[in-house]
Amino acid sequence: MPVSADVTPHHLLLIEDDVLGLGTEAKVKPPLRSLEDQKALKEGIKEGVISILASDHAPHPSEDKSRSFSEAPFGISNLEITVPLYAKALIEEGIINWVELWEKLSYNPALFLGLDNKGILEEGRDADITIVDPGTRKRVEVSNFESQGKNCPFENWSLPGWPVYTIVDGRIVMAEGSIVESEFC
């Protein structure tokens, strides 16, 4: 049985102390850990021990995340900013480069799951592509998320490397952060 390990962007950018200021917006499972644990995750990515990067997108209505900490659900809404979050956590810190980011976000997960037509741009494979501008830096505005989930602790963070287009099966479904074709969203 193959074994894999993945990590999420919030575990690379937030630590357990951040929960005090962010409250339920930072309530995730597994919980945020120490700065030392975060450094170990980054080292595991750098060394290739952790070969898959996941979004762990878990949107929740505001009223659910407004409950007491013990009653609020686990999760962060981050699908639309996953690439910029990883660019900040890993590329800006010199842990990996853009090709390695693509491998860990797309190629390695497809390979692990046996999705033969996914994860690589090649004739005869599915044309599922995200075009990213590494030079674009923007502030996170959670209210502008297309996702119905707005539970996100990264409001106003300045992040690099935003997606410009998302193409699924050869059709543009998102452009500049807005849904173009809703069949896939």
N, C-alpha and C. Protein backbone atom coordinates (compact mmCIF):
# COMPACT_ATOMS: atom_id res chain seq x y z
N MET A 1 0.85 -1.17 0.00
CA MET A 1 0.00 0.00 0.00
C MET A 1 0.90 1.24 0.00
N PRO A 2 0.72 2.12 -0.99
CA PRO A 2 1.52 3.34 -1.02
C PRO A 2 1.16 4.27 0.15
N VAL A 3 2.16 5.02 0.58
CA VAL A 3 1.98 5.95 1.68
C VAL A 3 2.33 7.34 1.16
N SER A 4 1.58 8.34 1.60
CA SER A 4 1.89 9.71 1.22
C SER A 4 1.77 10.61 2.44
N ALA A 5 2.29 11.80 2.29
CA ALA A 5 2.13 12.83 3.32
C ALA A 5 1.81 14.13 2.62
N ASP A 6 0.92 14.89 3.21
CA ASP A 6 0.62 16.20 2.64
C ASP A 6 0.65 17.23 3.75
N VAL A 7 0.59 18.48 3.36
CA VAL A 7 0.56 19.58 4.31
C VAL A 7 -0.38 20.64 3.76
N THR A 8 -0.83 21.53 4.61
CA THR A 8 -1.74 22.59 4.20
C THR A 8 -1.05 23.95 4.32
N PRO A 9 -1.53 24.95 3.59
CA PRO A 9 -0.87 26.26 3.68
C PRO A 9 -0.97 26.88 5.07
N HIS A 10 -2.11 26.68 5.74
CA HIS A 10 -2.25 27.32 7.05
C HIS A 10 -1.28 26.74 8.09
N HIS A 11 -0.89 25.49 7.94
CA HIS A 11 0.10 24.93 8.86
C HIS A 11 1.51 25.45 8.58
N LEU A 12 1.71 26.03 7.41
CA LEU A 12 3.02 26.61 7.07
C LEU A 12 3.08 28.11 7.35
N LEU A 13 1.93 28.73 7.60
CA LEU A 13 1.90 30.19 7.79
C LEU A 13 1.40 30.64 9.16
N LEU A 14 0.69 29.78 9.85
CA LEU A 14 0.16 30.13 11.17
C LEU A 14 0.67 29.14 12.20
N ILE A 15 0.75 29.59 13.44
CA ILE A 15 1.14 28.70 14.54
C ILE A 15 0.09 28.76 15.63
N GLU A 16 0.22 27.90 16.59
CA GLU A 16 -0.79 27.78 17.65
C GLU A 16 -1.04 29.10 18.37
N ASP A 17 -0.03 29.94 18.53
CA ASP A 17 -0.21 31.23 19.19
C ASP A 17 -1.16 32.15 18.42
N ASP A 18 -1.27 31.95 17.11
CA ASP A 18 -2.16 32.77 16.29
C ASP A 18 -3.63 32.55 16.61
N VAL A 19 -3.96 31.42 17.19
CA VAL A 19 -5.35 31.12 17.53
C VAL A 19 -5.88 32.13 18.54
N LEU A 20 -5.01 32.64 19.40
CA LEU A 20 -5.46 33.62 20.41
C LEU A 20 -6.05 34.86 19.76
N GLY A 21 -5.46 35.34 18.66
CA GLY A 21 -5.97 36.52 17.98
C GLY A 21 -7.02 36.22 16.94
N LEU A 22 -6.93 35.04 16.32
CA LEU A 22 -7.82 34.71 15.21
C LEU A 22 -9.05 33.92 15.63
N GLY A 23 -9.02 33.32 16.77
CA GLY A 23 -10.15 32.55 17.28
C GLY A 23 -10.55 31.41 16.36
N THR A 24 -11.84 31.28 16.12
CA THR A 24 -12.36 30.15 15.35
C THR A 24 -11.90 30.17 13.88
N GLU A 25 -11.47 31.33 13.39
CA GLU A 25 -10.95 31.40 12.01
C GLU A 25 -9.70 30.53 11.86
N ALA A 26 -9.03 30.24 12.96
CA ALA A 26 -7.81 29.42 12.93
C ALA A 26 -8.04 28.05 13.57
N LYS A 27 -9.28 27.67 13.74
CA LYS A 27 -9.58 26.34 14.30
C LYS A 27 -9.57 25.34 13.16
N VAL A 28 -8.54 24.50 13.15
CA VAL A 28 -8.36 23.51 12.09
C VAL A 28 -8.01 22.16 12.70
N LYS A 29 -8.12 21.13 11.87
CA LYS A 29 -7.78 19.78 12.30
C LYS A 29 -6.85 19.16 11.28
N PRO A 30 -5.65 18.77 11.62
CA PRO A 30 -5.07 18.86 12.95
C PRO A 30 -4.86 20.31 13.35
N PRO A 31 -4.79 20.56 14.66
CA PRO A 31 -4.64 21.94 15.13
C PRO A 31 -3.29 22.53 14.73
N LEU A 32 -3.24 23.85 14.72
CA LEU A 32 -1.97 24.53 14.48
C LEU A 32 -1.01 24.16 15.60
N ARG A 33 0.26 24.12 15.26
CA ARG A 33 1.29 23.70 16.23
C ARG A 33 2.33 24.81 16.42
N SER A 34 3.45 24.44 16.98
CA SER A 34 4.50 25.39 17.33
C SER A 34 5.31 25.84 16.10
N LEU A 35 6.10 26.89 16.29
CA LEU A 35 7.00 27.36 15.25
C LEU A 35 8.01 26.27 14.88
N GLU A 36 8.45 25.50 15.86
CA GLU A 36 9.39 24.40 15.59
C GLU A 36 8.74 23.34 14.70
N ASP A 37 7.49 23.02 14.97
CA ASP A 37 6.76 22.06 14.13
C ASP A 37 6.61 22.60 12.71
N GLN A 38 6.31 23.89 12.58
CA GLN A 38 6.18 24.51 11.27
C GLN A 38 7.50 24.42 10.50
N LYS A 39 8.60 24.69 11.18
CA LYS A 39 9.92 24.58 10.53
C LYS A 39 10.18 23.14 10.08
N ALA A 40 9.77 22.17 10.88
CA ALA A 40 9.95 20.76 10.51
C ALA A 40 9.12 20.41 9.27
N LEU A 41 7.91 20.94 9.17
CA LEU A 41 7.09 20.71 7.97
C LEU A 41 7.78 21.28 6.73
N LYS A 42 8.31 22.48 6.84
CA LYS A 42 9.00 23.12 5.71
C LYS A 42 10.25 22.33 5.33
N GLU A 43 10.95 21.83 6.30
CA GLU A 43 12.13 21.00 6.01
C GLU A 43 11.71 19.71 5.33
N GLY A 44 10.60 19.12 5.76
CA GLY A 44 10.08 17.91 5.12
C GLY A 44 9.71 18.15 3.67
N ILE A 45 9.19 19.32 3.37
CA ILE A 45 8.87 19.68 1.98
C ILE A 45 10.16 19.85 1.18
N LYS A 46 11.10 20.56 1.75
CA LYS A 46 12.37 20.82 1.07
C LYS A 46 13.10 19.52 0.74
N GLU A 47 13.07 18.58 1.67
CA GLU A 47 13.76 17.30 1.50
C GLU A 47 12.96 16.30 0.66
N GLY A 48 11.71 16.61 0.36
CA GLY A 48 10.88 15.70 -0.44
C GLY A 48 10.16 14.64 0.37
N VAL A 49 10.26 14.68 1.69
CA VAL A 49 9.53 13.73 2.53
C VAL A 49 8.03 13.98 2.41
N ILE A 50 7.66 15.26 2.36
CA ILE A 50 6.27 15.66 2.12
C ILE A 50 6.19 16.02 0.64
N SER A 51 5.47 15.22 -0.11
CA SER A 51 5.48 15.37 -1.56
C SER A 51 4.18 15.92 -2.15
N ILE A 52 3.18 16.14 -1.30
CA ILE A 52 1.88 16.62 -1.78
C ILE A 52 1.45 17.83 -0.94
N LEU A 53 1.00 18.85 -1.62
CA LEU A 53 0.46 20.03 -0.97
C LEU A 53 -1.06 20.04 -1.20
N ALA A 54 -1.81 20.27 -0.13
CA ALA A 54 -3.27 20.25 -0.21
C ALA A 54 -3.82 21.60 0.21
N SER A 55 -5.03 21.90 -0.22
CA SER A 55 -5.66 23.15 0.22
C SER A 55 -6.32 22.97 1.57
N ASP A 56 -6.92 21.82 1.80
CA ASP A 56 -7.74 21.56 2.98
C ASP A 56 -8.87 22.58 3.07
N HIS A 57 -9.36 23.00 1.91
CA HIS A 57 -10.46 23.97 1.83
C HIS A 57 -11.67 23.43 2.56
N ALA A 58 -12.09 24.13 3.60
CA ALA A 58 -13.23 23.69 4.40
C ALA A 58 -14.10 24.90 4.71
N PRO A 59 -14.96 25.30 3.75
CA PRO A 59 -15.78 26.49 3.95
C PRO A 59 -16.93 26.22 4.92
N HIS A 60 -17.25 27.25 5.71
CA HIS A 60 -18.38 27.17 6.64
C HIS A 60 -19.12 28.50 6.65
N PRO A 61 -20.40 28.47 6.87
CA PRO A 61 -21.15 29.73 7.01
C PRO A 61 -20.65 30.52 8.22
N SER A 62 -20.73 31.83 8.13
CA SER A 62 -20.27 32.71 9.21
C SER A 62 -20.91 32.37 10.55
N GLU A 63 -22.20 32.05 10.53
CA GLU A 63 -22.88 31.76 11.79
C GLU A 63 -22.30 30.52 12.48
N ASP A 64 -21.80 29.55 11.70
CA ASP A 64 -21.19 28.37 12.30
C ASP A 64 -19.84 28.70 12.94
N LYS A 65 -19.04 29.52 12.26
CA LYS A 65 -17.73 29.88 12.79
C LYS A 65 -17.84 30.93 13.90
N SER A 66 -19.03 31.55 14.06
CA SER A 66 -19.25 32.55 15.11
C SER A 66 -19.57 31.91 16.46
N ARG A 67 -19.76 30.63 16.47
CA ARG A 67 -20.05 29.93 17.73
C ARG A 67 -18.84 29.98 18.66
N SER A 68 -19.01 29.47 19.85
CA SER A 68 -17.88 29.39 20.77
C SER A 68 -16.81 28.49 20.17
N PHE A 69 -15.59 28.63 20.64
CA PHE A 69 -14.49 27.88 20.06
C PHE A 69 -14.76 26.38 20.10
N SER A 70 -15.28 25.89 21.19
CA SER A 70 -15.53 24.45 21.31
C SER A 70 -16.64 23.97 20.39
N GLU A 71 -17.59 24.85 20.04
CA GLU A 71 -18.72 24.46 19.19
C GLU A 71 -18.51 24.75 17.71
N ALA A 72 -17.59 25.64 17.38
CA ALA A 72 -17.36 26.01 15.97
C ALA A 72 -16.73 24.85 15.21
N PRO A 73 -17.07 24.71 13.93
CA PRO A 73 -16.48 23.63 13.13
C PRO A 73 -15.01 23.93 12.81
N PHE A 74 -14.29 22.87 12.51
CA PHE A 74 -12.91 22.99 12.07
C PHE A 74 -12.89 23.43 10.61
N GLY A 75 -11.90 24.21 10.21
CA GLY A 75 -11.70 24.48 8.80
C GLY A 75 -11.50 25.93 8.43
N ILE A 76 -10.87 26.09 7.26
CA ILE A 76 -10.55 27.39 6.68
C ILE A 76 -10.98 27.37 5.22
N SER A 77 -11.56 28.46 4.78
CA SER A 77 -11.88 28.63 3.37
C SER A 77 -10.66 29.27 2.70
N ASN A 78 -10.02 28.54 1.79
CA ASN A 78 -8.79 29.06 1.19
C ASN A 78 -8.56 28.62 -0.25
N LEU A 79 -9.53 28.01 -0.86
CA LEU A 79 -9.34 27.45 -2.19
C LEU A 79 -8.82 28.49 -3.19
N GLU A 80 -9.37 29.69 -3.14
CA GLU A 80 -9.01 30.72 -4.11
C GLU A 80 -7.65 31.34 -3.87
N ILE A 81 -7.08 31.09 -2.70
CA ILE A 81 -5.77 31.66 -2.39
C ILE A 81 -4.72 30.60 -2.07
N THR A 82 -5.01 29.34 -2.39
CA THR A 82 -4.06 28.27 -2.08
C THR A 82 -2.71 28.51 -2.73
N VAL A 83 -2.68 28.81 -4.01
CA VAL A 83 -1.40 29.02 -4.70
C VAL A 83 -0.65 30.21 -4.10
N PRO A 84 -1.30 31.38 -3.94
CA PRO A 84 -0.57 32.49 -3.31
C PRO A 84 -0.09 32.20 -1.89
N LEU A 85 -0.88 31.46 -1.11
CA LEU A 85 -0.44 31.10 0.24
C LEU A 85 0.83 30.24 0.19
N TYR A 86 0.84 29.26 -0.69
CA TYR A 86 2.04 28.42 -0.82
C TYR A 86 3.21 29.22 -1.38
N ALA A 87 2.94 30.15 -2.29
CA ALA A 87 4.02 30.99 -2.82
C ALA A 87 4.66 31.78 -1.69
N LYS A 88 3.84 32.30 -0.79
CA LYS A 88 4.38 33.06 0.35
C LYS A 88 5.15 32.15 1.29
N ALA A 89 4.58 31.01 1.63
CA ALA A 89 5.18 30.12 2.63
C ALA A 89 6.42 29.41 2.11
N LEU A 90 6.45 29.08 0.83
CA LEU A 90 7.51 28.21 0.33
C LEU A 90 8.44 28.86 -0.70
N ILE A 91 7.88 29.60 -1.62
CA ILE A 91 8.73 30.19 -2.67
C ILE A 91 9.44 31.43 -2.14
N GLU A 92 8.70 32.32 -1.50
CA GLU A 92 9.34 33.52 -0.95
C GLU A 92 10.41 33.18 0.09
N GLU A 93 10.24 32.08 0.78
CA GLU A 93 11.22 31.68 1.79
C GLU A 93 12.34 30.82 1.19
N GLY A 94 12.29 30.56 -0.13
CA GLY A 94 13.36 29.82 -0.79
C GLY A 94 13.38 28.33 -0.48
N ILE A 95 12.28 27.79 -0.07
CA ILE A 95 12.20 26.37 0.27
C ILE A 95 12.06 25.52 -0.99
N ILE A 96 11.19 25.95 -1.91
CA ILE A 96 11.04 25.28 -3.20
C ILE A 96 10.90 26.36 -4.28
N ASN A 97 10.92 25.94 -5.54
CA ASN A 97 10.72 26.87 -6.65
C ASN A 97 9.34 26.61 -7.28
N TRP A 98 9.03 27.38 -8.33
CA TRP A 98 7.70 27.25 -8.95
C TRP A 98 7.46 25.87 -9.57
N VAL A 99 8.48 25.27 -10.15
CA VAL A 99 8.29 23.93 -10.74
C VAL A 99 8.00 22.91 -9.64
N GLU A 100 8.72 23.02 -8.54
CA GLU A 100 8.47 22.10 -7.43
C GLU A 100 7.08 22.33 -6.82
N LEU A 101 6.64 23.58 -6.80
CA LEU A 101 5.28 23.86 -6.32
C LEU A 101 4.26 23.16 -7.21
N TRP A 102 4.41 23.28 -8.53
CA TRP A 102 3.51 22.59 -9.47
C TRP A 102 3.53 21.08 -9.21
N GLU A 103 4.73 20.51 -9.04
CA GLU A 103 4.81 19.07 -8.80
C GLU A 103 4.02 18.66 -7.56
N LYS A 104 4.16 19.43 -6.50
CA LYS A 104 3.53 19.06 -5.23
C LYS A 104 2.02 19.38 -5.18
N LEU A 105 1.59 20.33 -5.99
CA LEU A 105 0.16 20.66 -6.03
C LEU A 105 -0.61 19.89 -7.09
N SER A 106 0.07 19.44 -8.14
CA SER A 106 -0.64 18.85 -9.27
C SER A 106 -0.10 17.48 -9.67
N TYR A 107 1.15 17.44 -10.07
CA TYR A 107 1.72 16.20 -10.60
C TYR A 107 1.74 15.07 -9.57
N ASN A 108 2.31 15.31 -8.41
CA ASN A 108 2.43 14.26 -7.39
C ASN A 108 1.07 13.75 -6.91
N PRO A 109 0.09 14.63 -6.64
CA PRO A 109 -1.22 14.10 -6.24
C PRO A 109 -1.86 13.23 -7.33
N ALA A 110 -1.77 13.67 -8.59
CA ALA A 110 -2.34 12.89 -9.69
C ALA A 110 -1.65 11.53 -9.80
N LEU A 111 -0.33 11.54 -9.67
CA LEU A 111 0.44 10.29 -9.74
C LEU A 111 0.04 9.35 -8.60
N PHE A 112 -0.02 9.89 -7.39
CA PHE A 112 -0.38 9.08 -6.22
C PHE A 112 -1.77 8.47 -6.35
N LEU A 113 -2.70 9.25 -6.89
CA LEU A 113 -4.09 8.78 -7.02
C LEU A 113 -4.33 7.97 -8.29
N GLY A 114 -3.31 7.83 -9.12
CA GLY A 114 -3.46 7.06 -10.35
C GLY A 114 -4.32 7.73 -11.39
N LEU A 115 -4.33 9.06 -11.40
CA LEU A 115 -5.12 9.82 -12.37
C LEU A 115 -4.25 10.07 -13.60
N ASP A 116 -4.27 9.12 -14.53
CA ASP A 116 -3.37 9.14 -15.68
C ASP A 116 -3.50 10.36 -16.57
N ASN A 117 -4.68 10.96 -16.66
CA ASN A 117 -4.89 12.09 -17.56
C ASN A 117 -4.74 13.44 -16.87
N LYS A 118 -4.29 13.45 -15.62
CA LYS A 118 -4.20 14.68 -14.84
C LYS A 118 -2.75 14.95 -14.43
N GLY A 119 -2.52 16.20 -14.03
CA GLY A 119 -1.26 16.54 -13.38
C GLY A 119 -0.12 16.98 -14.26
N ILE A 120 -0.27 16.87 -15.57
CA ILE A 120 0.82 17.26 -16.47
C ILE A 120 0.21 17.76 -17.78
N LEU A 121 0.86 18.74 -18.35
CA LEU A 121 0.40 19.30 -19.61
C LEU A 121 1.10 18.54 -20.74
N GLU A 122 0.30 17.73 -21.45
CA GLU A 122 0.86 16.87 -22.48
C GLU A 122 -0.27 16.50 -23.44
N GLU A 123 0.08 16.34 -24.70
CA GLU A 123 -0.93 15.97 -25.70
C GLU A 123 -1.61 14.67 -25.29
N GLY A 124 -2.94 14.67 -25.41
CA GLY A 124 -3.72 13.50 -25.07
C GLY A 124 -4.21 13.46 -23.63
N ARG A 125 -3.74 14.38 -22.81
CA ARG A 125 -4.19 14.43 -21.41
C ARG A 125 -5.23 15.53 -21.26
N ASP A 126 -5.94 15.49 -20.15
CA ASP A 126 -6.93 16.52 -19.88
C ASP A 126 -6.26 17.88 -19.81
N ALA A 127 -6.89 18.87 -20.39
CA ALA A 127 -6.35 20.24 -20.39
C ALA A 127 -6.87 20.98 -19.16
N ASP A 128 -6.41 20.56 -17.97
CA ASP A 128 -6.75 21.23 -16.72
C ASP A 128 -5.52 22.03 -16.31
N ILE A 129 -5.64 23.34 -16.37
CA ILE A 129 -4.47 24.21 -16.22
C ILE A 129 -4.82 25.41 -15.36
N THR A 130 -3.92 25.78 -14.50
CA THR A 130 -4.02 27.07 -13.81
C THR A 130 -2.82 27.89 -14.24
N ILE A 131 -3.08 29.04 -14.81
CA ILE A 131 -2.02 29.94 -15.22
C ILE A 131 -1.82 30.96 -14.11
N VAL A 132 -0.60 31.02 -13.60
CA VAL A 132 -0.27 31.86 -12.46
C VAL A 132 0.71 32.94 -12.90
N ASP A 133 0.52 34.15 -12.41
CA ASP A 133 1.47 35.22 -12.63
C ASP A 133 2.30 35.37 -11.35
N PRO A 134 3.54 34.87 -11.35
CA PRO A 134 4.37 34.94 -10.14
C PRO A 134 4.63 36.37 -9.68
N GLY A 135 4.56 37.33 -10.60
CA GLY A 135 4.85 38.72 -10.27
C GLY A 135 3.68 39.49 -9.69
N THR A 136 2.49 38.91 -9.71
CA THR A 136 1.32 39.60 -9.18
C THR A 136 1.28 39.47 -7.67
N ARG A 137 1.15 40.58 -7.00
CA ARG A 137 1.01 40.60 -5.54
C ARG A 137 -0.28 41.36 -5.24
N LYS A 138 -1.16 40.71 -4.46
CA LYS A 138 -2.44 41.33 -4.11
C LYS A 138 -2.74 41.08 -2.63
N ARG A 139 -3.66 41.88 -2.13
CA ARG A 139 -4.16 41.69 -0.77
C ARG A 139 -5.38 40.76 -0.81
N VAL A 140 -5.46 39.91 0.18
CA VAL A 140 -6.60 39.01 0.31
C VAL A 140 -7.81 39.82 0.77
N GLU A 141 -8.89 39.71 0.01
CA GLU A 141 -10.16 40.32 0.37
C GLU A 141 -11.20 39.19 0.40
N VAL A 142 -11.41 38.66 1.58
CA VAL A 142 -12.28 37.50 1.75
C VAL A 142 -13.68 37.77 1.21
N SER A 143 -14.16 38.99 1.32
CA SER A 143 -15.51 39.31 0.83
C SER A 143 -15.61 39.13 -0.68
N ASN A 144 -14.49 39.13 -1.38
CA ASN A 144 -14.49 38.93 -2.84
C ASN A 144 -14.35 37.47 -3.25
N PHE A 145 -14.23 36.57 -2.30
CA PHE A 145 -14.14 35.15 -2.64
C PHE A 145 -15.38 34.72 -3.41
N GLU A 146 -15.20 33.93 -4.44
CA GLU A 146 -16.33 33.33 -5.13
C GLU A 146 -16.94 32.23 -4.27
N SER A 147 -16.13 31.57 -3.49
CA SER A 147 -16.61 30.53 -2.59
C SER A 147 -17.63 31.13 -1.61
N GLN A 148 -18.62 30.35 -1.26
CA GLN A 148 -19.59 30.82 -0.27
C GLN A 148 -18.98 30.88 1.12
N GLY A 149 -17.91 30.12 1.33
CA GLY A 149 -17.22 30.14 2.61
C GLY A 149 -16.34 31.37 2.73
N LYS A 150 -16.49 32.10 3.82
CA LYS A 150 -15.69 33.30 4.05
C LYS A 150 -14.87 33.16 5.32
N ASN A 151 -14.81 31.97 5.88
CA ASN A 151 -14.06 31.73 7.10
C ASN A 151 -12.57 31.58 6.77
N CYS A 152 -11.88 32.71 6.80
CA CYS A 152 -10.49 32.74 6.36
C CYS A 152 -9.69 33.70 7.22
N PRO A 153 -8.61 33.24 7.84
CA PRO A 153 -7.82 34.10 8.70
C PRO A 153 -6.80 34.97 7.96
N PHE A 154 -6.79 34.92 6.64
CA PHE A 154 -5.75 35.63 5.88
C PHE A 154 -6.21 36.97 5.31
N GLU A 155 -7.31 37.50 5.81
CA GLU A 155 -7.82 38.80 5.37
C GLU A 155 -6.70 39.85 5.44
N ASN A 156 -6.55 40.59 4.35
CA ASN A 156 -5.58 41.69 4.21
C ASN A 156 -4.12 41.24 4.11
N TRP A 157 -3.86 39.95 4.06
CA TRP A 157 -2.49 39.51 3.85
C TRP A 157 -2.08 39.86 2.41
N SER A 158 -0.87 40.29 2.23
CA SER A 158 -0.33 40.55 0.90
C SER A 158 0.36 39.28 0.41
N LEU A 159 -0.15 38.72 -0.69
CA LEU A 159 0.35 37.44 -1.18
C LEU A 159 0.83 37.55 -2.63
N PRO A 160 1.87 36.80 -2.98
CA PRO A 160 2.38 36.76 -4.36
C PRO A 160 1.77 35.61 -5.15
N GLY A 161 1.90 35.68 -6.48
CA GLY A 161 1.61 34.52 -7.32
C GLY A 161 0.16 34.15 -7.47
N TRP A 162 -0.65 35.07 -7.93
CA TRP A 162 -2.09 34.81 -8.05
C TRP A 162 -2.43 34.15 -9.38
N PRO A 163 -3.40 33.23 -9.36
CA PRO A 163 -3.88 32.64 -10.61
C PRO A 163 -4.53 33.70 -11.50
N VAL A 164 -4.25 33.60 -12.79
CA VAL A 164 -4.84 34.51 -13.77
C VAL A 164 -6.01 33.81 -14.46
N TYR A 165 -5.80 32.56 -14.85
CA TYR A 165 -6.84 31.76 -15.50
C TYR A 165 -6.82 30.35 -14.94
N THR A 166 -8.01 29.77 -14.84
CA THR A 166 -8.14 28.35 -14.55
C THR A 166 -8.92 27.74 -15.70
N ILE A 167 -8.33 26.69 -16.27
CA ILE A 167 -8.91 26.03 -17.44
C ILE A 167 -9.19 24.58 -17.05
N VAL A 168 -10.41 24.13 -17.27
CA VAL A 168 -10.80 22.76 -16.97
C VAL A 168 -11.31 22.13 -18.26
N ASP A 169 -10.69 21.01 -18.61
CA ASP A 169 -11.07 20.30 -19.82
C ASP A 169 -11.05 21.21 -21.05
N GLY A 170 -10.08 22.12 -21.06
CA GLY A 170 -9.89 23.01 -22.21
C GLY A 170 -10.77 24.25 -22.21
N ARG A 171 -11.60 24.43 -21.16
CA ARG A 171 -12.49 25.60 -21.10
C ARG A 171 -12.10 26.50 -19.93
N ILE A 172 -12.04 27.80 -20.18
CA ILE A 172 -11.74 28.75 -19.11
C ILE A 172 -12.93 28.79 -18.15
N VAL A 173 -12.68 28.48 -16.87
CA VAL A 173 -13.75 28.50 -15.87
C VAL A 173 -13.58 29.64 -14.87
N MET A 174 -12.36 30.16 -14.74
CA MET A 174 -12.11 31.33 -13.90
C MET A 174 -11.12 32.23 -14.60
N ALA A 175 -11.35 33.53 -14.50
CA ALA A 175 -10.44 34.53 -15.05
C ALA A 175 -10.28 35.66 -14.05
N GLU A 176 -9.05 35.94 -13.67
CA GLU A 176 -8.76 37.03 -12.73
C GLU A 176 -9.60 36.92 -11.45
N GLY A 177 -9.78 35.69 -10.96
CA GLY A 177 -10.47 35.49 -9.70
C GLY A 177 -11.99 35.43 -9.77
N SER A 178 -12.55 35.52 -10.96
CA SER A 178 -14.01 35.48 -11.11
C SER A 178 -14.42 34.24 -11.91
N ILE A 179 -15.51 33.63 -11.49
CA ILE A 179 -16.03 32.48 -12.21
C ILE A 179 -16.55 32.91 -13.58
N VAL A 180 -16.11 32.19 -14.59
CA VAL A 180 -16.56 32.45 -15.95
C VAL A 180 -17.61 31.42 -16.34
N GLU A 181 -17.35 30.18 -15.93
CA GLU A 181 -18.26 29.07 -16.24
C GLU A 181 -18.53 28.33 -14.95
N SER A 182 -19.77 28.32 -14.50
CA SER A 182 -20.06 27.81 -13.17
C SER A 182 -20.28 26.31 -13.09
N GLU A 183 -20.29 25.61 -14.20
CA GLU A 183 -20.53 24.17 -14.19
C GLU A 183 -19.53 23.44 -13.27
N PHE A 184 -18.31 23.97 -13.15
CA PHE A 184 -17.27 23.28 -12.40
C PHE A 184 -17.09 23.85 -10.99
N CYS A 185 -17.83 24.86 -10.63
CA CYS A 185 -17.60 25.54 -9.35
C CYS A 185 -18.74 25.32 -8.38
